[in-house]
Amino acid sequence: MAGVEQKTVDEDEAGMRVDRWFKVHYPALAFGALQKLLRTGQVRVDGSRVKADTRLEAGQTVRVPPMAAAAAPAKGPMTAKTIRNQSDEEALRQMILFEDRKVMVLNKPAGLAVQGGSGLTRHVDGMLEAFRNARGEKPRLVHRIDRDTSGILVIARTRGAAQRLTASFRERDTRKTYWALVKSVPRKREGRISTWLVKEQTRDGDRMRVCRHGEPDAEHAVTVYRTVETAGQRLSWLELEPVTGRTHQLRVHCAHIGHAIVGDPKYFDEDPNWEFPGGMQKKLHLHARRIVIPHPDGGIINVTAPLPPHMVQSWNLLGFKEADAEVEAED
């Protein structure tokens, strides 16, 4: 049996309840067993007894007793920072949610770019060199998500798989679901956003804007949204489904209807009377939560990605529960 472990609470875990922290790190530990460890004082934080609903602070030390330490630990909370000192292969393996001979589905951390760009030395496309096979075939990207967006990223392991997966995205046979935390509360709890978007260059780089139909290079963009939960009139948890796949589409559409995504440095034009919620990290609160896509060999890939640490922290602070947005799997 494993011995006592001492674990430090990461800054991305600040605000998490003790029971939630154990669920993330030790999913095999039953809730009843954890309650007993807490009651008997075997779990301690900075040497003190705690309860299941005690909120943790960054830098605190959690005493993990042998019974809990022996439970198979999950992959630790994954961020661009935690994979910084790992090899490309180690980092990618930590991200894998689904894998077979044809496909990989990753849970990309916020802050890690999908492709290279100015000033970028590490990105998913470059890291995939670590998975080049004996035939010299490197896994291929079949879609993109923004650098600051976390969550589902589908990778094809063969040329044929790439062609079929790309076709599924192009022909809209793929269902993608995102979760976002946005400013204020939409007047309609659910709806459809349909606009035309065009790219423009600004001092801060490329930016998408809503434009009129017929404007040069304009592309049609459609998003369906549903309000899952609200925190008073100040914040809302939205479930977003992009029907089209334009650059920054969800971020622009949320801002367009007056409910910009919290932490968005590009499209959140802050009201002078609006203050960033205390206890939350100023990071983009947009997560590619789930994908349902035809497998290249038949059948369906249906994968869900856990929330990134900064969004877990915000959900805990707001009292949001992931089960409130559960979507039944397609047949």
Protein backbone atom coordinates (compact mmCIF):
# COMPACT_ATOMS: atom_id res chain seq x y z
CA MET A 1 0.00 0.00 0.00
CA ALA A 2 1.16 3.52 -0.77
CA GLY A 3 2.36 5.74 2.05
CA VAL A 4 1.22 9.19 3.11
CA GLU A 5 1.54 11.82 0.37
CA GLN A 6 1.82 15.58 0.73
CA LYS A 7 0.41 17.49 -2.26
CA THR A 8 0.49 21.22 -2.87
CA VAL A 9 -2.65 22.97 -4.11
CA ASP A 10 -1.99 24.53 -7.51
CA GLU A 11 -3.02 28.14 -8.14
CA ASP A 12 -5.52 26.90 -10.72
CA GLU A 13 -7.22 24.88 -7.96
CA ALA A 14 -7.81 27.80 -5.61
CA GLY A 15 -11.42 27.85 -4.47
CA MET A 16 -12.02 24.14 -5.03
CA ARG A 17 -13.82 22.19 -2.32
CA VAL A 18 -11.80 19.44 -0.63
CA ASP A 19 -14.14 16.70 -1.87
CA ARG A 20 -13.95 18.03 -5.43
CA TRP A 21 -10.14 18.17 -5.22
CA PHE A 22 -10.02 14.49 -4.21
CA LYS A 23 -12.44 13.57 -7.00
CA VAL A 24 -10.12 15.20 -9.53
CA HIS A 25 -6.90 13.64 -8.17
CA TYR A 26 -8.21 10.32 -6.83
CA PRO A 27 -11.37 9.33 -8.76
CA ALA A 28 -11.17 5.73 -7.53
CA LEU A 29 -11.63 6.85 -3.91
CA ALA A 30 -15.30 6.35 -2.94
CA PHE A 31 -17.12 9.33 -1.45
CA GLY A 32 -18.00 7.37 1.71
CA ALA A 33 -14.35 6.40 2.18
CA LEU A 34 -13.29 10.04 1.83
CA GLN A 35 -15.88 11.11 4.40
CA LYS A 36 -14.47 8.59 6.88
CA LEU A 37 -10.92 9.84 6.28
CA LEU A 38 -12.12 13.40 6.90
CA ARG A 39 -14.06 12.50 10.06
CA THR A 40 -11.06 10.69 11.55
CA GLY A 41 -8.68 13.53 10.73
CA GLN A 42 -6.54 11.49 8.33
CA VAL A 43 -6.98 14.15 5.65
CA ARG A 44 -5.49 17.47 6.71
CA VAL A 45 -4.73 20.78 5.04
CA ASP A 46 -1.68 22.64 6.35
CA GLY A 47 -1.87 20.31 9.36
CA SER A 48 -5.48 21.15 10.25
CA ARG A 49 -8.63 19.06 10.06
CA VAL A 50 -11.03 20.02 7.26
CA LYS A 51 -14.51 19.19 6.05
CA ALA A 52 -15.68 18.08 2.61
CA ASP A 53 -16.88 21.60 1.75
CA THR A 54 -13.73 23.41 2.91
CA ARG A 55 -12.38 25.65 0.14
CA LEU A 56 -8.71 25.25 -0.71
CA GLU A 57 -6.19 28.02 -1.30
CA ALA A 58 -3.22 28.00 -3.64
CA GLY A 59 -0.03 26.83 -1.97
CA GLN A 60 -1.71 24.86 0.81
CA THR A 61 -0.48 21.32 1.52
CA VAL A 62 -2.97 18.46 1.52
CA ARG A 63 -2.12 15.35 3.55
CA VAL A 64 -3.26 12.35 1.51
CA PRO A 65 -3.46 9.21 3.70
CA PRO A 66 -2.42 5.75 2.45
CA MET A 67 -5.97 4.63 1.65
CA ALA A 68 -6.47 7.57 -0.70
CA ALA A 69 -2.92 7.50 -2.08
CA ALA A 70 -3.40 3.84 -3.03
CA ALA A 71 -6.38 4.75 -5.25
CA ALA A 72 -5.30 5.04 -8.88
CA PRO A 73 -4.65 8.75 -9.37
CA ALA A 74 -6.06 10.59 -12.33
CA LYS A 75 -3.88 12.66 -14.59
CA GLY A 76 -3.30 15.85 -12.69
CA PRO A 77 -5.01 19.08 -13.64
CA MET A 78 -3.57 19.87 -17.05
CA THR A 79 -2.48 23.34 -18.10
CA ALA A 80 0.03 24.73 -20.57
CA LYS A 81 2.23 25.35 -17.52
CA THR A 82 2.13 21.75 -16.23
CA ILE A 83 3.23 20.30 -19.58
CA ARG A 84 6.02 22.84 -20.07
CA ASN A 85 8.76 20.55 -18.79
CA GLN A 86 7.41 17.37 -20.35
CA SER A 87 8.54 15.88 -23.62
CA ASP A 88 6.15 16.25 -26.54
CA GLU A 89 5.16 12.59 -26.30
CA GLU A 90 4.56 12.77 -22.54
CA ALA A 91 2.48 15.93 -22.87
CA LEU A 92 0.35 14.58 -25.70
CA ARG A 93 -0.26 11.29 -23.90
CA GLN A 94 -1.50 13.25 -20.90
CA MET A 95 -4.01 14.99 -23.16
CA ILE A 96 -5.46 11.85 -24.81
CA LEU A 97 -9.14 11.18 -24.15
CA PHE A 98 -9.65 8.60 -26.92
CA GLU A 99 -7.17 6.71 -29.08
CA ASP A 100 -7.15 3.89 -31.63
CA ARG A 101 -5.24 3.12 -34.83
CA LYS A 102 -7.02 5.81 -36.84
CA VAL A 103 -7.97 8.61 -34.44
CA MET A 104 -6.83 10.48 -31.35
CA VAL A 105 -9.00 12.91 -29.41
CA LEU A 106 -7.11 15.32 -27.17
CA ASN A 107 -8.13 17.59 -24.31
CA LYS A 108 -6.01 20.60 -25.24
CA PRO A 109 -5.13 22.90 -22.33
CA ALA A 110 -5.85 26.61 -22.58
CA GLY A 111 -2.77 28.54 -23.64
CA LEU A 112 -1.33 25.88 -25.95
CA ALA A 113 -1.56 26.81 -29.63
CA VAL A 114 -2.79 24.28 -32.18
CA GLN A 115 -0.48 25.55 -34.94
CA GLY A 116 2.64 27.67 -35.10
CA GLY A 117 2.68 31.44 -35.39
CA SER A 118 4.73 34.49 -34.58
CA GLY A 119 6.75 33.96 -31.41
CA LEU A 120 5.44 30.42 -30.84
CA THR A 121 7.99 27.69 -30.19
CA ARG A 122 5.59 24.92 -29.12
CA HIS A 123 2.25 23.93 -30.57
CA VAL A 124 0.20 20.76 -31.05
CA ASP A 125 1.02 20.39 -34.75
CA GLY A 126 4.75 20.42 -34.02
CA MET A 127 4.37 18.12 -31.02
CA LEU A 128 2.67 15.50 -33.21
CA GLU A 129 6.09 14.72 -34.72
CA ALA A 130 6.57 12.56 -31.61
CA PHE A 131 3.86 10.23 -32.94
CA ARG A 132 5.24 9.80 -36.47
CA ASN A 133 4.91 6.06 -37.25
CA ALA A 134 7.32 3.55 -38.78
CA ARG A 135 6.06 4.45 -42.26
CA GLY A 136 6.97 8.08 -41.66
CA GLU A 137 3.33 9.16 -41.35
CA LYS A 138 2.69 12.00 -38.94
CA PRO A 139 -0.76 12.46 -37.33
CA ARG A 140 -2.75 15.27 -38.92
CA LEU A 141 -4.91 18.08 -37.60
CA VAL A 142 -8.45 17.98 -39.02
CA HIS A 143 -9.80 21.12 -37.33
CA ARG A 144 -8.64 23.93 -35.03
CA ILE A 145 -9.56 25.60 -31.76
CA ASP A 146 -8.20 28.91 -30.49
CA ARG A 147 -5.03 28.99 -28.41
CA ASP A 148 -6.87 30.24 -25.32
CA THR A 149 -9.79 27.81 -25.77
CA SER A 150 -9.44 24.47 -24.00
CA GLY A 151 -10.94 21.11 -24.81
CA ILE A 152 -11.66 18.69 -27.63
CA LEU A 153 -9.22 18.47 -30.52
CA VAL A 154 -9.53 15.63 -33.04
CA ILE A 155 -6.39 14.22 -34.67
CA ALA A 156 -6.23 11.78 -37.61
CA ARG A 157 -3.48 9.16 -37.43
CA THR A 158 -3.58 8.21 -41.14
CA ARG A 159 -4.11 10.00 -44.45
CA GLY A 160 -7.36 8.16 -45.12
CA ALA A 161 -8.72 8.95 -41.66
CA ALA A 162 -7.84 12.62 -42.17
CA GLN A 163 -9.82 12.73 -45.41
CA ARG A 164 -12.92 11.17 -43.86
CA LEU A 165 -12.79 13.23 -40.65
CA THR A 166 -12.24 16.46 -42.58
CA ALA A 167 -15.26 15.60 -44.73
CA SER A 168 -17.35 15.08 -41.59
CA PHE A 169 -16.51 18.59 -40.41
CA ARG A 170 -17.06 20.08 -43.88
CA GLU A 171 -20.40 18.33 -44.39
CA ARG A 172 -21.55 19.14 -40.83
CA ASP A 173 -21.94 15.53 -39.79
CA THR A 174 -20.13 16.47 -36.59
CA ARG A 175 -21.79 17.78 -33.45
CA LYS A 176 -19.61 20.05 -31.31
CA THR A 177 -20.64 21.40 -27.92
CA TYR A 178 -18.85 24.19 -26.07
CA TRP A 179 -19.33 25.58 -22.57
CA ALA A 180 -18.82 29.26 -21.84
CA LEU A 181 -19.19 31.66 -18.94
CA VAL A 182 -20.57 34.97 -20.22
CA LYS A 183 -21.46 38.42 -18.98
CA SER A 184 -25.06 38.97 -17.78
CA VAL A 185 -28.10 36.88 -18.77
CA PRO A 186 -29.56 36.47 -22.28
CA ARG A 187 -33.15 37.70 -22.61
CA LYS A 188 -34.05 34.44 -24.38
CA ARG A 189 -32.83 31.33 -22.59
CA GLU A 190 -32.04 29.71 -25.93
CA GLY A 191 -31.72 30.90 -29.47
CA ARG A 192 -29.95 30.98 -32.81
CA ILE A 193 -27.34 33.57 -33.78
CA SER A 194 -26.90 34.11 -37.52
CA THR A 195 -24.51 36.77 -38.88
CA TRP A 196 -21.90 37.43 -41.52
CA LEU A 197 -18.29 37.71 -40.36
CA VAL A 198 -15.21 39.22 -41.95
CA LYS A 199 -11.59 39.35 -40.81
CA GLU A 200 -9.93 42.70 -40.26
CA GLN A 201 -6.45 43.68 -39.15
CA THR A 202 -5.98 45.80 -36.05
CA ARG A 203 -3.00 46.97 -34.01
CA ASP A 204 -3.54 43.92 -31.79
CA GLY A 205 -3.64 41.43 -34.67
CA ASP A 206 -6.42 39.86 -36.70
CA ARG A 207 -9.95 40.29 -35.42
CA MET A 208 -13.33 39.13 -36.71
CA ARG A 209 -16.26 41.52 -36.92
CA VAL A 210 -19.92 41.22 -37.76
CA CYS A 211 -20.62 42.69 -41.20
CA ARG A 212 -23.32 42.94 -43.83
CA HIS A 213 -24.11 40.26 -46.37
CA GLY A 214 -22.26 41.01 -49.59
CA GLU A 215 -19.23 42.61 -48.00
CA PRO A 216 -16.01 41.29 -49.64
CA ASP A 217 -14.71 38.07 -48.02
CA ALA A 218 -17.69 37.88 -45.65
CA GLU A 219 -18.67 34.39 -44.46
CA HIS A 220 -21.98 33.25 -42.97
CA ALA A 221 -21.78 32.04 -39.36
CA VAL A 222 -24.48 30.31 -37.30
CA THR A 223 -24.43 29.38 -33.60
CA VAL A 224 -27.12 27.79 -31.44
CA TYR A 225 -27.02 28.56 -27.70
CA ARG A 226 -28.79 27.44 -24.52
CA THR A 227 -28.61 28.98 -21.06
CA VAL A 228 -27.76 26.23 -18.58
CA GLU A 229 -27.51 28.22 -15.34
CA THR A 230 -27.15 31.78 -14.12
CA ALA A 231 -25.51 33.57 -11.20
CA GLY A 232 -28.02 36.30 -10.50
CA GLN A 233 -28.12 38.73 -13.41
CA ARG A 234 -24.35 39.04 -13.61
CA LEU A 235 -23.10 35.82 -15.22
CA SER A 236 -24.48 32.95 -17.30
CA TRP A 237 -23.27 29.48 -18.21
CA LEU A 238 -24.04 28.93 -21.89
CA GLU A 239 -23.93 25.74 -23.92
CA LEU A 240 -22.94 26.64 -27.48
CA GLU A 241 -23.16 24.60 -30.68
CA PRO A 242 -21.46 26.10 -33.74
CA VAL A 243 -23.35 25.11 -36.90
CA THR A 244 -20.57 26.64 -38.98
CA GLY A 245 -16.89 26.80 -38.07
CA ARG A 246 -15.61 30.33 -38.62
CA THR A 247 -12.60 31.87 -36.90
CA HIS A 248 -13.48 33.13 -33.38
CA GLN A 249 -17.14 32.49 -34.21
CA LEU A 250 -18.39 31.72 -30.71
CA ARG A 251 -16.46 34.58 -29.14
CA VAL A 252 -17.74 37.10 -31.70
CA HIS A 253 -21.33 35.82 -31.53
CA CYS A 254 -21.46 35.99 -27.73
CA ALA A 255 -20.13 39.56 -27.81
CA HIS A 256 -22.57 40.42 -30.64
CA ILE A 257 -25.63 39.55 -28.55
CA GLY A 258 -24.27 41.51 -25.59
CA HIS A 259 -22.93 38.58 -23.58
CA ALA A 260 -19.18 38.48 -24.15
CA ILE A 261 -17.24 35.51 -22.79
CA VAL A 262 -15.55 36.18 -19.46
CA GLY A 263 -11.78 36.59 -19.78
CA ASP A 264 -11.82 37.17 -23.55
CA PRO A 265 -8.99 39.65 -24.22
CA LYS A 266 -10.09 40.35 -27.80
CA TYR A 267 -13.88 40.67 -27.81
CA PHE A 268 -14.82 41.65 -24.24
CA ASP A 269 -15.24 45.42 -24.34
CA GLU A 270 -15.48 46.03 -20.63
CA ASP A 271 -18.19 48.27 -19.26
CA PRO A 272 -16.55 50.71 -16.79
CA ASN A 273 -19.17 49.61 -14.25
CA TRP A 274 -18.44 45.91 -14.74
CA GLU A 275 -15.83 44.33 -12.48
CA PHE A 276 -14.14 40.99 -13.06
CA PRO A 277 -15.62 38.53 -10.53
CA GLY A 278 -13.46 38.13 -7.45
CA GLY A 279 -11.81 34.75 -7.02
CA MET A 280 -11.79 33.98 -10.74
CA GLN A 281 -8.78 33.84 -13.00
CA LYS A 282 -8.74 36.31 -15.87
CA LYS A 283 -8.58 33.62 -18.55
CA LEU A 284 -10.91 32.84 -21.44
CA HIS A 285 -13.85 30.82 -20.10
CA LEU A 286 -14.54 28.83 -23.27
CA HIS A 287 -14.19 25.06 -23.41
CA ALA A 288 -14.77 22.58 -26.24
CA ARG A 289 -16.73 20.17 -24.06
CA ARG A 290 -17.96 17.38 -26.32
CA ILE A 291 -17.77 16.00 -29.84
CA VAL A 292 -19.88 13.42 -31.64
CA ILE A 293 -18.33 12.48 -34.98
CA PRO A 294 -18.49 9.49 -37.35
CA HIS A 295 -15.47 7.20 -36.98
CA PRO A 296 -13.54 6.68 -40.25
CA ASP A 297 -14.17 2.91 -39.99
CA GLY A 298 -17.84 3.23 -39.04
CA GLY A 299 -19.67 3.88 -35.81
CA ILE A 300 -19.54 7.04 -33.72
CA ILE A 301 -16.86 8.69 -31.59
CA ASN A 302 -18.54 10.40 -28.64
CA VAL A 303 -16.08 12.07 -26.27
CA THR A 304 -16.41 14.57 -23.42
CA ALA A 305 -13.52 16.68 -22.08
CA PRO A 306 -13.25 17.63 -18.37
CA LEU A 307 -13.23 21.35 -17.64
CA PRO A 308 -9.84 23.08 -17.33
CA PRO A 309 -8.74 24.06 -13.80
CA HIS A 310 -9.59 27.76 -14.13
CA MET A 311 -13.17 26.93 -15.17
CA VAL A 312 -13.51 24.28 -12.43
CA GLN A 313 -12.53 27.01 -9.99
CA SER A 314 -15.15 29.40 -11.40
CA TRP A 315 -17.87 26.73 -11.47
CA ASN A 316 -17.13 25.95 -7.82
CA LEU A 317 -17.27 29.60 -6.83
CA LEU A 318 -20.61 30.05 -8.59
CA GLY A 319 -22.09 26.77 -7.38
CA PHE A 320 -22.61 25.44 -10.91
CA LYS A 321 -22.84 21.65 -11.25
CA GLU A 322 -21.66 19.88 -14.40
CA ALA A 323 -24.58 17.43 -14.23
CA ASP A 324 -26.96 20.31 -14.96
CA ALA A 325 -25.78 20.35 -18.58
CA GLU A 326 -25.55 16.62 -19.26
CA VAL A 327 -26.55 15.71 -22.80
CA GLU A 328 -27.68 12.21 -23.58
CA ALA A 329 -25.34 10.40 -25.94
CA GLU A 330 -26.55 9.84 -29.44
CA ASP A 331 -27.32 6.28 -30.48
